[in-house]
Amino acid sequence: MTDQLIFETTPLNAVDRCDRCGAQAYVRAVLLSGGELLFCGHHGKEYAEKLKQVSAKIQDETDKLVDVSSN
């Protein structure tokens, strides 16, 4: 089993932290040059366009974030 295959099946969890602010990471960018960057939903969205240019794969789990509105 390759590292890439393992990566693709490994979900982000509470231990994974945003490289920019330290919040829980919901976006993982595997860089074309090697390595990876982790971002919270806010920073993942902020850097999305630039990440697309330099990433081999972007794992986006921001769908785990739910907007809870009070009635």
Protein backbone atom coordinates (compact mmCIF):
# COMPACT_ATOMS: atom_id res chain seq x y z
CA MET A 1 0.00 0.00 0.00
CA THR A 2 1.46 3.37 -0.98
CA ASP A 3 1.57 6.51 1.17
CA GLN A 4 -0.74 8.23 -1.32
CA LEU A 5 -3.33 5.47 -0.96
CA ILE A 6 -3.14 5.65 2.82
CA PHE A 7 -3.46 9.44 2.68
CA GLU A 8 -6.56 9.28 0.53
CA THR A 9 -8.36 7.13 3.07
CA THR A 10 -7.26 9.03 6.19
CA PRO A 11 -9.79 11.65 7.30
CA LEU A 12 -8.68 14.77 9.13
CA ASN A 13 -9.39 14.80 12.86
CA ALA A 14 -9.13 17.07 15.92
CA VAL A 15 -5.37 16.46 16.18
CA ASP A 16 -4.80 18.01 12.73
CA ARG A 17 -4.26 21.76 13.16
CA CYS A 18 -4.24 24.70 10.74
CA ASP A 19 -0.70 25.73 9.77
CA ARG A 20 -1.79 29.37 9.76
CA CYS A 21 -3.76 29.83 13.02
CA GLY A 22 -3.76 26.51 14.91
CA ALA A 23 -7.52 25.88 14.66
CA GLN A 24 -8.78 22.42 13.70
CA ALA A 25 -7.86 21.63 10.09
CA TYR A 26 -10.54 20.79 7.55
CA VAL A 27 -8.43 21.20 4.39
CA ARG A 28 -5.25 19.29 3.46
CA ALA A 29 -3.22 20.33 0.43
CA VAL A 30 -0.62 17.89 -0.86
CA LEU A 31 1.92 20.04 -2.67
CA LEU A 32 3.37 19.24 -6.09
CA SER A 33 6.83 19.90 -4.62
CA GLY A 34 6.20 17.41 -1.80
CA GLY A 35 4.87 17.87 1.70
CA GLU A 36 1.47 19.06 2.77
CA LEU A 37 -0.27 22.04 4.30
CA LEU A 38 -3.24 21.93 6.66
CA PHE A 39 -5.80 24.73 6.98
CA CYS A 40 -8.95 25.48 8.92
CA GLY A 41 -12.07 26.17 6.85
CA HIS A 42 -11.49 29.94 6.93
CA HIS A 43 -7.88 29.83 5.74
CA GLY A 44 -8.58 27.00 3.29
CA LYS A 45 -11.18 29.21 1.63
CA GLU A 46 -8.89 32.26 1.76
CA TYR A 47 -6.03 30.44 0.01
CA ALA A 48 -8.10 28.14 -2.22
CA GLU A 49 -7.16 29.67 -5.58
CA LYS A 50 -3.42 29.69 -4.87
CA LEU A 51 -3.57 26.17 -3.40
CA LYS A 52 -5.13 24.87 -6.63
CA GLN A 53 -2.07 26.11 -8.53
CA VAL A 54 0.54 24.38 -6.33
CA SER A 55 -1.27 21.25 -5.10
CA ALA A 56 -1.37 17.73 -6.46
CA LYS A 57 -4.45 17.00 -4.33
CA ILE A 58 -6.71 18.98 -2.02
CA GLN A 59 -8.69 17.10 0.61
CA ASP A 60 -11.60 19.35 1.62
CA GLU A 61 -13.65 18.24 4.61
CA THR A 62 -15.34 21.58 5.28
CA ASP A 63 -18.68 19.81 4.77
CA LYS A 64 -18.18 18.61 8.36
CA LEU A 65 -18.78 22.20 9.48
CA VAL A 66 -22.47 22.79 10.03
CA ASP A 67 -24.12 26.19 10.35
CA VAL A 68 -26.35 25.91 13.41
CA SER A 69 -28.97 28.65 13.54
CA SER A 70 -31.02 29.33 16.64
CA ASN A 71 -34.77 29.58 16.10
